[in-house]
């Protein structure tokens, strides 16, 4: 009963919503303004054709529910029939020598007709239940489209953050390579360093410059991907606020089965799958009701404004109201098996919808378990990567100081510089993976991105 009431409330709310306004122009990107994740998601929702399509489908489903509700009310129609008729009619020759006479009629019949289906063994109820269920499914699909858009933009945002961070790490690596190169050059001028060490240091500096170029290209691609997924024109100058310094997501607060249970009750695809089962069951009830009779009433009120004459004689006129009322009983006894086939089709669709729900439930459990484990691993990796970066920084500083004082070799310095550059890049990747994993777990459980409430249409 709770699900049925929720479906009816959803259908009523959507049916009463105003028609959508004409599409607004795309939001302009303000030069110099930095956009954070929430602002980017808001912009994407204004531009996304997927969410707009889902919204229009929800509106269409609500309109279909309105059509189903109209079947409970009587139908009123005003009709008017007017014209002239000339009819030869047979007559006995002893009365009319030529054996026929001509009847002329001229009439205007304005009519008010009312039709009302009184009883149909639940056929209209089933149609309305199906329409309400389909409205609910469309409404949930809008929520699902929103959540997928949130995840896509979140993923792109953190991927851009990782690329930007790795670009920063590459620039730091270039600066480190310059410092190391200067140290080698200084020792070379003092005759302490060899030409081989100088050449290797120059190579390390060149590699660092190449790493910056490659990291810049990756950052440009990540920026272009984010712009495209938001729906902005390619090449838009979009300044994105970085996620550097943002606290890592909190670890999962409970066991994985808790998140699985949450997904079973909150995921839009599972809720929609249950709604499709309810719609299919309503179709079965409608097909069953087709085997039973219907009872309806028809009433007419009319005014006869007419004239009649025979064989060119004088006209006789009538200007009188009239009326009629009928009770109609209809029961289809044979239709070539159409009703039975319709019932079999509805039953098969209900069974298919049930199987689809079970499959979606199994997939959801797998996705939640994977997202749960991925988030745990990503958080642990981010913590470990930060520690590796810290220790690599200390080790490189120590190796540089030792090399400057003649207490260390260039191999030691080059190795620590490479380790530091790798650690900084891994740190950026690990942080981005942690945020993306948190967004993936939110999507898998049917929530918006962490800290962002889901929207309603």
Protein backbone atom coordinates (compact mmCIF):
# COMPACT_ATOMS: atom_id res chain seq x y z
CA UNK A 1 0.00 0.00 0.00
CA UNK A 2 2.87 2.35 0.76
CA UNK A 3 4.37 1.82 -2.71
CA UNK A 4 0.99 2.33 -4.36
CA UNK A 5 0.40 5.57 -2.45
CA UNK A 6 3.86 6.79 -3.39
CA UNK A 7 3.19 6.05 -7.05
CA UNK A 8 -0.11 7.95 -6.99
CA UNK A 9 1.46 10.95 -5.22
CA UNK A 10 4.29 11.00 -7.75
CA UNK A 11 1.86 10.93 -10.69
CA UNK A 12 -0.28 13.69 -9.20
CA UNK A 13 2.69 15.95 -8.44
CA UNK A 14 4.16 15.60 -11.92
CA UNK A 15 0.80 16.13 -13.57
CA UNK A 16 0.30 19.39 -11.68
CA UNK A 17 3.75 20.75 -12.48
CA UNK A 18 3.76 23.64 -14.96
CA UNK A 19 4.94 23.08 -18.48
CA UNK A 20 8.70 23.60 -18.81
CA UNK A 21 9.76 27.03 -19.93
CA UNK A 22 11.53 27.45 -23.26
CA UNK A 23 15.14 26.35 -23.16
CA UNK A 24 17.33 29.01 -21.61
CA UNK A 25 20.58 29.99 -23.32
CA UNK A 26 23.65 28.10 -22.11
CA UNK A 27 25.21 29.63 -19.00
CA UNK A 28 28.10 31.89 -19.87
CA UNK A 29 31.49 31.10 -18.41
CA UNK A 30 32.68 34.19 -16.55
CA UNK A 31 36.32 34.95 -17.38
CA UNK A 32 38.54 34.86 -14.33
CA UNK A 33 35.97 33.09 -12.16
CA UNK A 34 37.09 29.83 -10.62
CA UNK A 35 34.48 27.05 -10.63
CA UNK A 36 34.43 24.41 -7.92
CA UNK A 37 32.83 20.96 -8.23
CA UNK A 38 29.36 22.08 -7.14
CA UNK A 39 29.33 24.92 -9.69
CA UNK A 40 30.51 22.58 -12.45
CA UNK A 41 27.75 20.08 -11.66
CA UNK A 42 25.15 22.84 -11.67
CA UNK A 43 26.40 24.03 -15.05
CA UNK A 44 26.32 20.49 -16.45
CA UNK A 45 22.72 20.01 -15.32
CA UNK A 46 21.68 23.12 -17.23
CA UNK A 47 23.37 21.86 -20.39
CA UNK A 48 22.97 18.08 -20.21
CA UNK A 49 20.61 16.62 -22.86
CA UNK A 50 20.36 13.41 -20.81
CA UNK A 51 18.73 15.06 -17.80
CA UNK A 52 16.52 17.16 -20.07
CA UNK A 53 15.39 14.04 -21.91
CA UNK A 54 14.64 12.25 -18.64
CA UNK A 55 12.64 15.25 -17.42
CA UNK A 56 10.54 15.34 -20.60
CA UNK A 57 9.90 11.61 -20.35
CA UNK A 58 8.65 12.11 -16.80
CA UNK A 59 6.34 14.86 -18.04
CA UNK A 60 5.04 12.60 -20.80
CA UNK A 61 4.38 9.77 -18.35
CA UNK A 62 2.49 12.17 -16.07
CA UNK A 63 0.34 13.26 -19.01
CA UNK A 64 -0.42 9.60 -19.79
CA UNK A 65 -1.56 9.15 -16.18
CA UNK A 66 -3.88 12.12 -16.64
CA UNK A 67 -5.38 10.42 -19.70
CA UNK A 68 -5.96 7.26 -17.66
CA UNK A 69 -7.74 9.23 -14.91
CA UNK A 70 -10.06 10.86 -17.45
CA UNK A 71 -11.65 7.47 -18.16
CA UNK A 72 -13.51 7.67 -14.81
CA UNK A 73 -15.46 10.77 -15.89
CA UNK A 74 -18.35 11.02 -18.37
CA UNK A 75 -17.78 12.25 -21.90
CA UNK A 76 -19.87 15.16 -23.14
CA UNK A 77 -20.24 16.11 -26.78
CA UNK A 78 -22.28 18.59 -28.75
CA UNK A 79 -23.27 17.50 -32.22
CA UNK A 80 -25.43 19.02 -34.93
CA UNK A 81 -26.94 17.22 -37.89
CA UNK A 82 -28.63 19.22 -40.62
CA UNK A 83 -29.62 18.73 -44.23
CA UNK A 84 -32.26 18.00 -46.82
CA UNK A 85 -33.41 14.67 -48.23
CA UNK A 86 -35.59 13.76 -51.22
CA UNK A 87 -36.81 10.17 -51.05
CA UNK A 88 -39.04 8.26 -53.52
CA UNK A 89 -41.24 5.87 -51.55
CA UNK A 90 -43.43 3.03 -52.87
CA UNK A 91 -47.18 3.32 -52.39
CA UNK A 92 -50.20 1.13 -53.36
CA UNK A 93 -51.48 2.00 -56.85
CA UNK A 94 -55.06 2.15 -55.60
CA UNK A 95 -53.94 5.07 -53.42
CA UNK A 96 -51.29 6.61 -55.66
CA UNK A 97 -51.87 5.83 -59.34
CA UNK A 98 -48.23 6.09 -60.31
CA UNK A 99 -47.21 3.66 -57.53
CA UNK A 100 -44.91 5.94 -55.56
CA UNK A 101 -44.68 9.36 -53.98
CA UNK A 102 -41.83 11.79 -53.23
CA UNK A 103 -41.04 12.72 -49.61
CA UNK A 104 -39.02 15.88 -48.98
CA UNK A 105 -37.52 16.50 -45.54
CA UNK A 106 -35.43 19.33 -44.18
CA UNK A 107 -34.08 19.03 -40.62
CA UNK A 108 -31.61 20.53 -38.16
CA UNK A 109 -30.89 18.35 -35.08
CA UNK A 110 -28.55 19.91 -32.47
CA UNK A 111 -27.74 17.20 -29.88
CA UNK A 112 -26.04 17.03 -26.49
CA UNK A 113 -24.69 13.52 -25.84
CA UNK A 114 -23.32 12.14 -22.58
CA UNK A 115 -21.52 8.78 -22.30
CA UNK A 116 -20.37 7.23 -19.04
CA UNK A 117 -18.74 3.88 -18.47
CA UNK A 118 -20.29 2.71 -15.21
CA UNK A 119 -18.68 -0.67 -14.53
CA UNK A 120 -15.78 -2.52 -16.17
CA UNK A 121 -14.53 -5.04 -13.56
CA UNK A 122 -11.39 -3.04 -12.74
CA UNK A 123 -10.14 -2.34 -16.27
CA UNK A 124 -9.77 1.40 -15.68
CA UNK A 125 -8.18 0.82 -12.28
CA UNK A 126 -5.55 -1.38 -13.90
CA UNK A 127 -4.84 1.17 -16.64
CA UNK A 128 -4.44 3.94 -14.07
CA UNK A 129 -2.16 1.79 -11.88
CA UNK A 130 0.02 1.05 -14.88
CA UNK A 131 0.19 4.72 -15.86
CA UNK A 132 1.09 5.73 -12.30
CA UNK A 133 3.78 3.06 -12.17
CA UNK A 134 5.24 4.25 -15.46
CA UNK A 135 5.19 7.83 -14.16
CA UNK A 136 7.10 6.72 -11.10
CA UNK A 137 9.64 4.85 -13.24
CA UNK A 138 10.18 7.95 -15.39
CA UNK A 139 10.58 10.11 -12.30
CA UNK A 140 13.17 7.73 -10.86
CA UNK A 141 14.95 7.68 -14.21
CA UNK A 142 15.37 11.46 -13.92
CA UNK A 143 17.01 10.98 -10.51
CA UNK A 144 19.26 8.27 -11.96
CA UNK A 145 20.31 10.51 -14.85
CA UNK A 146 21.18 13.24 -12.35
CA UNK A 147 23.28 10.88 -10.25
CA UNK A 148 25.18 9.57 -13.28
CA UNK A 149 25.88 13.12 -14.38
CA UNK A 150 27.14 14.00 -10.90
CA UNK A 151 29.48 11.02 -10.96
CA UNK A 152 30.76 11.78 -14.47
CA UNK A 153 31.55 15.40 -13.65
CA UNK A 154 33.05 14.41 -10.28
CA UNK A 155 35.26 11.81 -11.95
CA UNK A 156 36.43 14.30 -14.58
CA UNK A 157 36.98 16.97 -11.94
CA UNK A 158 39.23 14.76 -9.81
CA UNK A 159 40.97 13.38 -12.90
CA UNK A 160 41.76 16.96 -13.89
CA UNK A 161 42.94 17.60 -10.34
CA UNK A 162 45.25 14.60 -10.56
CA UNK A 163 46.60 15.72 -13.94
CA UNK A 164 47.13 19.25 -12.64
CA UNK A 165 48.83 17.87 -9.55
CA UNK A 166 51.07 15.65 -11.63
CA UNK A 167 51.92 18.68 -13.76
CA UNK A 168 52.88 20.48 -10.58
CA UNK A 169 54.92 17.46 -9.50
CA UNK A 170 56.66 17.41 -12.88
CA UNK A 171 57.50 21.09 -12.51
CA UNK A 172 58.86 20.39 -9.04
CA UNK A 173 60.86 17.55 -10.56
CA UNK A 174 62.21 19.97 -13.17
CA UNK A 175 63.21 22.37 -10.42
CA UNK A 176 64.84 19.53 -8.53
CA UNK A 177 66.69 18.49 -11.69
CA UNK A 178 67.93 22.07 -12.13
CA UNK A 179 69.19 22.19 -8.56
CA UNK A 180 70.89 18.84 -9.00
CA UNK A 181 72.37 19.95 -12.33
CA UNK A 182 73.71 23.13 -10.75
CA UNK A 183 75.28 21.08 -7.97
CA UNK A 184 76.98 18.80 -10.52
CA UNK A 185 78.12 21.80 -12.55
CA UNK A 186 79.58 23.39 -9.45
CA UNK A 187 81.52 20.25 -8.58
CA UNK A 188 82.56 19.97 -12.21
CA UNK A 189 84.02 23.49 -12.12
CA UNK A 190 85.98 22.49 -9.03
CA UNK A 191 87.25 19.42 -10.85
CA UNK A 192 85.49 17.01 -8.52
CA UNK A 193 82.67 15.75 -10.75
CA UNK A 194 83.37 13.80 -13.91
CA UNK A 195 82.15 14.56 -17.41
CA UNK A 196 80.03 11.43 -17.24
CA UNK A 197 78.23 12.76 -14.18
CA UNK A 198 77.72 16.09 -15.93
CA UNK A 199 76.27 14.37 -19.00
CA UNK A 200 73.96 12.22 -16.89
CA UNK A 201 72.82 15.29 -14.98
CA UNK A 202 72.09 17.09 -18.26
CA UNK A 203 70.11 14.06 -19.42
CA UNK A 204 68.15 14.05 -16.18
CA UNK A 205 67.33 17.75 -16.69
CA UNK A 206 66.18 17.08 -20.27
CA UNK A 207 64.00 14.19 -19.08
CA UNK A 208 62.45 16.46 -16.47
CA UNK A 209 61.58 19.01 -19.18
CA UNK A 210 60.01 16.21 -21.23
CA UNK A 211 57.99 15.08 -18.20
CA UNK A 212 56.60 18.61 -17.84
CA UNK A 213 55.54 18.69 -21.50
CA UNK A 214 53.88 15.28 -21.22
CA UNK A 215 52.13 16.23 -17.97
CA UNK A 216 50.91 19.47 -19.56
CA UNK A 217 49.41 17.47 -22.44
CA UNK A 218 47.64 15.11 -20.03
CA UNK A 219 46.24 18.08 -18.10
CA UNK A 220 44.98 19.67 -21.33
CA UNK A 221 43.23 16.42 -22.29
CA UNK A 222 41.64 16.14 -18.84
CA UNK A 223 40.45 19.74 -19.12
CA UNK A 224 38.95 19.06 -22.56
CA UNK A 225 37.19 15.94 -21.26
CA UNK A 226 35.63 17.87 -18.39
CA UNK A 227 34.48 20.66 -20.72
CA UNK A 228 32.92 18.15 -23.12
CA UNK A 229 31.08 16.20 -20.40
CA UNK A 230 29.71 19.42 -18.93
CA UNK A 231 28.36 20.29 -22.38
CA UNK A 232 30.40 23.42 -23.05
CA UNK A 233 31.84 24.13 -26.49
CA UNK A 234 35.31 22.76 -27.11
CA UNK A 235 38.02 25.24 -26.33
CA UNK A 236 36.01 27.09 -23.65
CA UNK A 237 38.33 28.94 -21.28
CA UNK A 238 37.16 27.35 -18.04
CA UNK A 239 39.06 28.01 -14.83
CA UNK A 240 38.59 25.10 -12.43
CA UNK A 241 39.22 25.38 -8.71
CA UNK A 242 41.68 22.70 -7.69
CA UNK A 243 41.09 20.07 -5.03
CA UNK A 244 44.58 20.44 -3.57
CA UNK A 245 44.41 20.62 0.19
CA UNK A 246 40.91 19.13 0.30
CA UNK A 247 40.58 16.58 3.08
CA UNK A 248 40.37 12.98 1.94
CA UNK A 249 36.92 11.33 2.02
CA UNK A 250 35.98 9.56 5.20
CA UNK A 251 36.41 5.79 5.19
CA UNK A 252 33.27 3.62 4.95
CA UNK A 253 31.41 3.91 8.23
CA UNK A 254 30.09 0.36 8.37
CA UNK A 255 30.26 -3.08 6.82
CA UNK A 256 29.70 -3.68 3.13
CA UNK A 257 26.33 -5.40 3.70
CA UNK A 258 24.97 -2.15 5.13
CA UNK A 259 25.83 -0.36 1.90
CA UNK A 260 24.33 -3.21 -0.13
CA UNK A 261 21.05 -2.93 1.77
CA UNK A 262 21.09 0.83 1.21
CA UNK A 263 21.61 0.28 -2.51
CA UNK A 264 18.68 -2.15 -2.69
CA UNK A 265 16.36 0.50 -1.29
CA UNK A 266 17.84 3.67 -2.81
CA UNK A 267 19.33 2.91 -6.23
CA UNK A 268 17.20 4.46 -8.98
CA UNK A 269 17.67 1.52 -11.36
CA UNK A 270 16.40 -0.95 -8.75
CA UNK A 271 13.49 1.29 -7.76
CA UNK A 272 12.62 1.68 -11.45
CA UNK A 273 12.86 -2.09 -11.95
CA UNK A 274 10.35 -2.63 -9.15
CA UNK A 275 8.12 0.02 -10.73
CA UNK A 276 8.23 -1.86 -14.04
CA UNK A 277 7.08 -5.02 -12.25
CA UNK A 278 4.13 -3.10 -10.80
CA UNK A 279 3.30 -1.70 -14.25
CA UNK A 280 3.42 -5.22 -15.74
CA UNK A 281 1.15 -6.57 -13.00
CA UNK A 282 -1.34 -3.78 -13.73
CA UNK A 283 -1.25 -4.79 -17.41
CA UNK A 284 -2.12 -8.36 -16.37
CA UNK A 285 -5.11 -7.08 -14.39
CA UNK A 286 -6.22 -5.05 -17.41
CA UNK A 287 -5.91 -8.09 -19.71
CA UNK A 288 -7.89 -10.18 -17.22
CA UNK A 289 -10.65 -7.58 -17.08
CA UNK A 290 -11.00 -7.75 -20.87
CA UNK A 291 -12.64 -11.17 -20.43
CA UNK A 292 -15.50 -9.55 -18.51
CA UNK A 293 -18.41 -7.35 -19.65
CA UNK A 294 -18.79 -3.58 -19.40
CA UNK A 295 -21.83 -1.54 -18.44
CA UNK A 296 -22.29 2.02 -19.63
CA UNK A 297 -24.94 4.69 -19.97
CA UNK A 298 -25.65 7.02 -22.88
CA UNK A 299 -27.99 9.98 -22.78
CA UNK A 300 -29.06 12.44 -25.47
CA UNK A 301 -30.95 15.71 -25.47
CA UNK A 302 -31.82 17.20 -28.85
CA UNK A 303 -34.06 19.68 -30.60
CA UNK A 304 -35.78 18.77 -33.86
CA UNK A 305 -36.27 21.70 -36.18
CA UNK A 306 -37.69 20.02 -39.30
CA UNK A 307 -40.14 20.16 -42.18
CA UNK A 308 -41.79 17.44 -44.29
CA UNK A 309 -43.91 17.35 -47.43
CA UNK A 310 -45.11 14.71 -49.89
CA UNK A 311 -45.35 15.05 -53.69
CA UNK A 312 -44.87 18.80 -53.60
CA UNK A 313 -47.74 19.35 -51.18
CA UNK A 314 -47.79 21.73 -48.25
CA UNK A 315 -44.98 21.60 -45.66
CA UNK A 316 -45.52 20.18 -42.18
CA UNK A 317 -43.18 21.55 -39.51
CA UNK A 318 -41.97 20.41 -36.08
CA UNK A 319 -40.03 22.47 -33.51
CA UNK A 320 -39.87 20.28 -30.45
CA UNK A 321 -37.18 19.03 -28.05
CA UNK A 322 -36.56 15.34 -27.54
CA UNK A 323 -34.33 13.02 -25.59
CA UNK A 324 -33.15 9.46 -25.13
CA UNK A 325 -31.35 7.42 -22.48
CA UNK A 326 -29.80 3.99 -22.95
CA UNK A 327 -28.10 1.46 -20.69
CA UNK A 328 -25.51 -0.49 -22.67
CA UNK A 329 -24.26 -3.96 -21.75
CA UNK A 330 -21.31 -5.24 -23.80
CA UNK A 331 -19.53 -8.58 -23.52
CA UNK A 332 -17.12 -9.86 -26.14
CA UNK A 333 -17.66 -13.60 -26.53
CA UNK A 334 -15.15 -14.41 -29.27
CA UNK A 335 -12.22 -12.38 -30.61
CA UNK A 336 -10.02 -15.00 -32.26
CA UNK A 337 -7.79 -15.38 -29.19
CA UNK A 338 -6.71 -11.73 -29.02
CA UNK A 339 -7.52 -11.37 -25.32
CA UNK A 340 -5.78 -14.60 -24.40
CA UNK A 341 -2.69 -13.55 -26.35
CA UNK A 342 -2.76 -10.14 -24.64
CA UNK A 343 -2.84 -11.84 -21.24
CA UNK A 344 0.03 -14.17 -22.20
CA UNK A 345 2.05 -11.18 -23.41
CA UNK A 346 1.43 -9.26 -20.18
CA UNK A 347 2.41 -12.30 -18.09
CA UNK A 348 5.62 -12.76 -20.05
CA UNK A 349 6.49 -9.08 -19.64
CA UNK A 350 5.88 -9.32 -15.89
CA UNK A 351 8.18 -12.37 -15.65
CA UNK A 352 10.83 -10.61 -17.74
CA UNK A 353 10.61 -7.51 -15.52
CA UNK A 354 11.01 -9.71 -12.44
CA UNK A 355 14.08 -11.41 -13.89
CA UNK A 356 15.52 -8.01 -14.86
CA UNK A 357 15.06 -6.80 -11.29
CA UNK A 358 16.83 -9.85 -9.88
CA UNK A 359 19.71 -9.36 -12.30
CA UNK A 360 19.94 -5.65 -11.45
CA UNK A 361 19.94 -6.52 -7.75
CA UNK A 362 22.84 -8.95 -8.21
CA UNK A 363 24.78 -6.41 -10.28
CA UNK A 364 24.14 -3.74 -7.66
CA UNK A 365 25.49 -5.95 -4.89
CA UNK A 366 28.63 -6.63 -6.91
CA UNK A 367 29.14 -2.96 -7.76
CA UNK A 368 28.71 -1.90 -4.14
CA UNK A 369 31.16 -4.52 -2.91
CA UNK A 370 33.73 -3.48 -5.51
CA UNK A 371 33.25 0.24 -4.77
CA UNK A 372 33.49 -0.41 -1.02
CA UNK A 373 36.77 -2.30 -1.37
CA UNK A 374 38.11 0.19 -3.90
CA UNK A 375 37.47 3.09 -1.53
CA UNK A 376 39.19 1.31 1.36
CA UNK A 377 42.17 0.52 -0.83
CA UNK A 378 42.28 4.04 -2.30
CA UNK A 379 42.26 5.67 1.14
CA UNK A 380 45.02 3.37 2.36
CA UNK A 381 46.99 4.05 -0.82
CA UNK A 382 46.58 7.82 -0.43
CA UNK A 383 47.86 7.67 3.14
CA UNK A 384 50.80 5.49 2.13
CA UNK A 385 51.58 7.66 -0.90
CA UNK A 386 51.67 10.79 1.24
CA UNK A 387 54.14 9.08 3.57
CA UNK A 388 56.27 7.96 0.62
CA UNK A 389 56.37 11.55 -0.67
CA UNK A 390 57.39 12.85 2.73
CA UNK A 391 60.21 10.33 3.15
CA UNK A 392 61.31 10.71 -0.48
CA UNK A 393 61.62 14.47 0.03
CA UNK A 394 63.78 13.94 3.11
CA UNK A 395 65.91 11.35 1.32
CA UNK A 396 66.49 13.61 -1.68
CA UNK A 397 67.41 16.59 0.45
CA UNK A 398 69.87 14.44 2.34
CA UNK A 399 71.36 13.01 -0.89
CA UNK A 400 71.71 16.52 -2.36
CA UNK A 401 73.48 17.82 0.75
CA UNK A 402 75.80 14.79 0.79
CA UNK A 403 76.61 15.20 -2.90
CA UNK A 404 77.42 18.90 -2.48
CA UNK A 405 79.79 18.07 0.35
CA UNK A 406 81.45 15.26 -1.56
CA UNK A 407 79.98 12.58 0.69
CA UNK A 408 77.62 11.05 -1.84
CA UNK A 409 77.62 9.92 -5.44
CA UNK A 410 75.61 11.23 -8.33
CA UNK A 411 73.97 7.84 -8.68
CA UNK A 412 72.56 8.26 -5.18
CA UNK A 413 71.33 11.77 -5.96
CA UNK A 414 69.79 10.78 -9.32
CA UNK A 415 68.07 7.80 -7.74
CA UNK A 416 66.55 9.88 -4.97
CA UNK A 417 65.43 12.58 -7.44
CA UNK A 418 63.68 9.96 -9.58
CA UNK A 419 62.08 8.41 -6.50
CA UNK A 420 60.82 11.82 -5.36
CA UNK A 421 59.29 12.63 -8.75
CA UNK A 422 57.57 9.23 -8.88
CA UNK A 423 56.31 9.59 -5.30
CA UNK A 424 54.82 13.01 -5.98
CA UNK A 425 53.01 11.75 -9.10
CA UNK A 426 51.75 8.67 -7.25
CA UNK A 427 50.54 10.90 -4.43
CA UNK A 428 48.40 12.94 -6.83
CA UNK A 429 47.00 9.79 -8.44
CA UNK A 430 46.21 8.24 -5.08
CA UNK A 431 44.34 11.32 -3.86
CA UNK A 432 42.29 11.49 -7.07
CA UNK A 433 41.55 7.76 -6.83
CA UNK A 434 40.27 8.24 -3.28
CA UNK A 435 37.83 10.99 -4.27
CA UNK A 436 36.71 9.08 -7.37
CA UNK A 437 36.19 5.90 -5.33
CA UNK A 438 34.04 7.80 -2.83
CA UNK A 439 31.92 9.14 -5.71
CA UNK A 440 31.66 5.62 -7.17
CA UNK A 441 30.45 4.22 -3.84
CA UNK A 442 27.87 7.01 -3.62
CA UNK A 443 26.65 6.19 -7.15
CA UNK A 444 26.58 2.44 -6.42
CA UNK A 445 24.42 2.98 -3.32
CA UNK A 446 22.04 5.38 -5.05
CA UNK A 447 23.28 8.60 -3.50
CA UNK A 448 24.71 11.76 -5.01
CA UNK A 449 28.38 12.58 -4.71
CA UNK A 450 29.52 12.65 -1.06
CA UNK A 451 28.17 15.74 0.62
CA UNK A 452 25.83 16.66 -2.25
CA UNK A 453 22.11 15.98 -1.88
CA UNK A 454 20.19 14.49 -4.78
CA UNK A 455 17.91 16.78 -6.72
CA UNK A 456 14.25 16.33 -7.52
CA UNK A 457 12.66 17.16 -10.83
